[in-house]
């Protein structure tokens, strides 16, 4: 049995389905996606670092994707020639989602960036991606 669940935060909520047995505990508290990214004052520093990275060859590597909110911002700030490699084991998240559900949510958030070649996302295989640099 699947239960539909609404994730709140940002401009538009995201609906996902989770297995009933793992969802019952979390139905009481909505998922707050604001817990998935940097706080507003930290965005300025990150933007500076991403813009400075344009002076260097090679990709920007993000370790710890969570759901990709920060990755999306970095993709907006990076130079057109750069790509971002983002890796996560999908074993930990502040909402207690299973690794499979966590990965699925992140894949949906990052779908456009992956499909357009702006980022490369690694799941459970950080070592394989990092060894190819």
C-alpha atoms as a PDB file:
ATOM      1  CA  UNK A   1       0.000   0.000   0.000  1.00  0.00           C
ATOM      2  CA  UNK A   2       1.311   3.450  -0.913  1.00  0.00           C
ATOM      3  CA  UNK A   3       0.415   6.698   0.792  1.00  0.00           C
ATOM      4  CA  UNK A   4       0.641  10.028  -1.042  1.00  0.00           C
ATOM      5  CA  UNK A   5       2.616  12.592   0.867  1.00  0.00           C
ATOM      6  CA  UNK A   6       3.052  16.316   0.378  1.00  0.00           C
ATOM      7  CA  UNK A   7       6.473  17.899   0.853  1.00  0.00           C
ATOM      8  CA  UNK A   8       6.179  21.540   1.876  1.00  0.00           C
ATOM      9  CA  UNK A   9       8.633  24.360   1.418  1.00  0.00           C
ATOM     10  CA  UNK A  10       9.750  26.594  -1.405  1.00  0.00           C
ATOM     11  CA  UNK A  11       7.295  28.002  -3.918  1.00  0.00           C
ATOM     12  CA  UNK A  12       5.525  24.793  -4.836  1.00  0.00           C
ATOM     13  CA  UNK A  13       4.957  21.632  -2.836  1.00  0.00           C
ATOM     14  CA  UNK A  14       6.052  18.275  -4.200  1.00  0.00           C
ATOM     15  CA  UNK A  15       3.857  15.204  -3.829  1.00  0.00           C
ATOM     16  CA  UNK A  16       5.489  11.795  -3.465  1.00  0.00           C
ATOM     17  CA  UNK A  17       4.262   8.323  -2.639  1.00  0.00           C
ATOM     18  CA  UNK A  18       5.841   6.309   0.120  1.00  0.00           C
ATOM     19  CA  UNK A  19       5.176   2.777   1.383  1.00  0.00           C
ATOM     20  CA  UNK A  20       2.433   2.860   4.003  1.00  0.00           C
ATOM     21  CA  UNK A  21       4.439   1.049   6.680  1.00  0.00           C
ATOM     22  CA  UNK A  22       7.276   3.592   6.530  1.00  0.00           C
ATOM     23  CA  UNK A  23       5.014   6.589   6.033  1.00  0.00           C
ATOM     24  CA  UNK A  24       2.669   6.265   8.977  1.00  0.00           C
ATOM     25  CA  UNK A  25       5.251   7.588  11.403  1.00  0.00           C
ATOM     26  CA  UNK A  26       6.042  10.604   9.203  1.00  0.00           C
ATOM     27  CA  UNK A  27       2.479  11.579   8.295  1.00  0.00           C
ATOM     28  CA  UNK A  28       2.185  13.567  11.484  1.00  0.00           C
ATOM     29  CA  UNK A  29       5.055  15.897  10.509  1.00  0.00           C
ATOM     30  CA  UNK A  30       5.304  17.265   6.947  1.00  0.00           C
ATOM     31  CA  UNK A  31       8.668  17.162   5.214  1.00  0.00           C
ATOM     32  CA  UNK A  32      10.232  20.593   5.358  1.00  0.00           C
ATOM     33  CA  UNK A  33      12.578  20.968   2.377  1.00  0.00           C
ATOM     34  CA  UNK A  34      14.088  24.099   3.913  1.00  0.00           C
ATOM     35  CA  UNK A  35      16.155  21.657   5.981  1.00  0.00           C
ATOM     36  CA  UNK A  36      17.778  20.447   2.754  1.00  0.00           C
ATOM     37  CA  UNK A  37      19.889  23.428   1.793  1.00  0.00           C
ATOM     38  CA  UNK A  38      22.068  26.225   3.086  1.00  0.00           C
ATOM     39  CA  UNK A  39      20.586  29.101   5.011  1.00  0.00           C
ATOM     40  CA  UNK A  40      20.056  32.340   3.074  1.00  0.00           C
ATOM     41  CA  UNK A  41      23.144  34.152   4.485  1.00  0.00           C
ATOM     42  CA  UNK A  42      25.384  31.273   3.337  1.00  0.00           C
ATOM     43  CA  UNK A  43      24.326  31.542  -0.310  1.00  0.00           C
ATOM     44  CA  UNK A  44      26.504  34.623  -0.903  1.00  0.00           C
ATOM     45  CA  UNK A  45      29.680  32.843   0.163  1.00  0.00           C
ATOM     46  CA  UNK A  46      28.853  29.749  -1.877  1.00  0.00           C
ATOM     47  CA  UNK A  47      28.155  31.898  -4.953  1.00  0.00           C
ATOM     48  CA  UNK A  48      31.536  33.602  -4.567  1.00  0.00           C
ATOM     49  CA  UNK A  49      33.285  30.236  -4.336  1.00  0.00           C
ATOM     50  CA  UNK A  50      31.473  28.852  -7.388  1.00  0.00           C
ATOM     51  CA  UNK A  51      32.308  31.977  -9.398  1.00  0.00           C
ATOM     52  CA  UNK A  52      35.975  31.745  -8.321  1.00  0.00           C
ATOM     53  CA  UNK A  53      36.021  28.106  -9.426  1.00  0.00           C
ATOM     54  CA  UNK A  54      35.578  29.324 -13.020  1.00  0.00           C
ATOM     55  CA  UNK A  55      39.281  30.285 -12.943  1.00  0.00           C
ATOM     56  CA  UNK A  56      40.266  26.634 -12.615  1.00  0.00           C
ATOM     57  CA  UNK A  57      40.066  23.686 -14.969  1.00  0.00           C
ATOM     58  CA  UNK A  58      38.033  20.705 -13.928  1.00  0.00           C
ATOM     59  CA  UNK A  59      34.627  20.173 -12.404  1.00  0.00           C
ATOM     60  CA  UNK A  60      33.119  21.439  -9.182  1.00  0.00           C
ATOM     61  CA  UNK A  61      32.616  18.479  -6.855  1.00  0.00           C
ATOM     62  CA  UNK A  62      29.813  18.526  -4.333  1.00  0.00           C
ATOM     63  CA  UNK A  63      29.868  15.786  -1.704  1.00  0.00           C
ATOM     64  CA  UNK A  64      26.507  15.401  -0.003  1.00  0.00           C
ATOM     65  CA  UNK A  65      23.705  16.178  -2.437  1.00  0.00           C
ATOM     66  CA  UNK A  66      20.756  15.580  -0.109  1.00  0.00           C
ATOM     67  CA  UNK A  67      17.964  16.548  -2.551  1.00  0.00           C
ATOM     68  CA  UNK A  68      19.888  18.865  -4.878  1.00  0.00           C
ATOM     69  CA  UNK A  69      18.666  22.301  -3.787  1.00  0.00           C
ATOM     70  CA  UNK A  70      22.190  23.659  -3.352  1.00  0.00           C
ATOM     71  CA  UNK A  71      23.354  21.826  -6.483  1.00  0.00           C
ATOM     72  CA  UNK A  72      20.678  23.658  -8.472  1.00  0.00           C
ATOM     73  CA  UNK A  73      21.873  27.038  -7.192  1.00  0.00           C
ATOM     74  CA  UNK A  74      25.490  26.171  -8.009  1.00  0.00           C
ATOM     75  CA  UNK A  75      24.428  25.227 -11.553  1.00  0.00           C
ATOM     76  CA  UNK A  76      23.003  28.726 -11.969  1.00  0.00           C
ATOM     77  CA  UNK A  77      26.222  30.360 -10.766  1.00  0.00           C
ATOM     78  CA  UNK A  78      28.860  28.197 -12.467  1.00  0.00           C
ATOM     79  CA  UNK A  79      30.529  29.074 -15.760  1.00  0.00           C
ATOM     80  CA  UNK A  80      28.948  27.552 -18.866  1.00  0.00           C
ATOM     81  CA  UNK A  81      32.012  25.362 -19.527  1.00  0.00           C
ATOM     82  CA  UNK A  82      32.081  23.830 -16.070  1.00  0.00           C
ATOM     83  CA  UNK A  83      30.183  20.829 -14.882  1.00  0.00           C
ATOM     84  CA  UNK A  84      29.285  19.792 -11.379  1.00  0.00           C
ATOM     85  CA  UNK A  85      29.793  16.284 -10.083  1.00  0.00           C
ATOM     86  CA  UNK A  86      27.596  15.664  -7.083  1.00  0.00           C
ATOM     87  CA  UNK A  87      27.722  12.513  -4.985  1.00  0.00           C
ATOM     88  CA  UNK A  88      25.683  11.130  -2.126  1.00  0.00           C
ATOM     89  CA  UNK A  89      25.189   7.722  -0.533  1.00  0.00           C
ATOM     90  CA  UNK A  90      21.465   8.500   0.058  1.00  0.00           C
ATOM     91  CA  UNK A  91      21.654   6.743   3.407  1.00  0.00           C
ATOM     92  CA  UNK A  92      21.007   9.794   5.599  1.00  0.00           C
ATOM     93  CA  UNK A  93      18.440  12.550   5.393  1.00  0.00           C
ATOM     94  CA  UNK A  94      16.600  14.645   7.983  1.00  0.00           C
ATOM     95  CA  UNK A  95      13.243  13.042   7.125  1.00  0.00           C
ATOM     96  CA  UNK A  96      14.066   9.357   7.598  1.00  0.00           C
ATOM     97  CA  UNK A  97      13.351   8.462   3.947  1.00  0.00           C
ATOM     98  CA  UNK A  98      14.605   5.118   2.684  1.00  0.00           C
ATOM     99  CA  UNK A  99      17.694   5.304   0.436  1.00  0.00           C
ATOM    100  CA  UNK A 100      15.551   4.369  -2.576  1.00  0.00           C
ATOM    101  CA  UNK A 101      12.973   7.086  -1.919  1.00  0.00           C
ATOM    102  CA  UNK A 102      15.678   9.620  -1.081  1.00  0.00           C
ATOM    103  CA  UNK A 103      17.458   8.864  -4.375  1.00  0.00           C
ATOM    104  CA  UNK A 104      14.183   9.048  -6.344  1.00  0.00           C
ATOM    105  CA  UNK A 105      13.316  12.444  -4.897  1.00  0.00           C
ATOM    106  CA  UNK A 106      16.791  13.806  -5.639  1.00  0.00           C
ATOM    107  CA  UNK A 107      16.734  12.393  -9.188  1.00  0.00           C
ATOM    108  CA  UNK A 108      13.480  14.260  -9.845  1.00  0.00           C
ATOM    109  CA  UNK A 109      14.874  17.547  -8.500  1.00  0.00           C
ATOM    110  CA  UNK A 110      18.059  17.224 -10.585  1.00  0.00           C
ATOM    111  CA  UNK A 111      16.492  15.676 -13.718  1.00  0.00           C
ATOM    112  CA  UNK A 112      16.854  18.722 -15.994  1.00  0.00           C
ATOM    113  CA  UNK A 113      20.442  19.437 -14.926  1.00  0.00           C
ATOM    114  CA  UNK A 114      21.495  15.809 -15.471  1.00  0.00           C
ATOM    115  CA  UNK A 115      19.713  15.555 -18.842  1.00  0.00           C
ATOM    116  CA  UNK A 116      21.305  18.776 -20.127  1.00  0.00           C
ATOM    117  CA  UNK A 117      24.796  17.684 -19.026  1.00  0.00           C
ATOM    118  CA  UNK A 118      25.240  20.462 -16.487  1.00  0.00           C
ATOM    119  CA  UNK A 119      25.766  18.023 -13.658  1.00  0.00           C
ATOM    120  CA  UNK A 120      26.711  14.403 -13.162  1.00  0.00           C
ATOM    121  CA  UNK A 121      25.041  12.775 -10.198  1.00  0.00           C
ATOM    122  CA  UNK A 122      26.513   9.735  -8.476  1.00  0.00           C
ATOM    123  CA  UNK A 123      24.487   7.384  -6.329  1.00  0.00           C
ATOM    124  CA  UNK A 124      26.178   4.971  -3.960  1.00  0.00           C
ATOM    125  CA  UNK A 125      29.249   4.961  -6.196  1.00  0.00           C
ATOM    126  CA  UNK A 126      31.165   8.017  -5.085  1.00  0.00           C
ATOM    127  CA  UNK A 127      34.474   6.188  -5.374  1.00  0.00           C
ATOM    128  CA  UNK A 128      33.846   5.214  -8.988  1.00  0.00           C
ATOM    129  CA  UNK A 129      33.035   8.777  -9.998  1.00  0.00           C
ATOM    130  CA  UNK A 130      35.848  10.387  -8.022  1.00  0.00           C
ATOM    131  CA  UNK A 131      38.427   7.931  -9.354  1.00  0.00           C
ATOM    132  CA  UNK A 132      37.525   8.956 -12.924  1.00  0.00           C
ATOM    133  CA  UNK A 133      38.548  12.586 -12.438  1.00  0.00           C
END
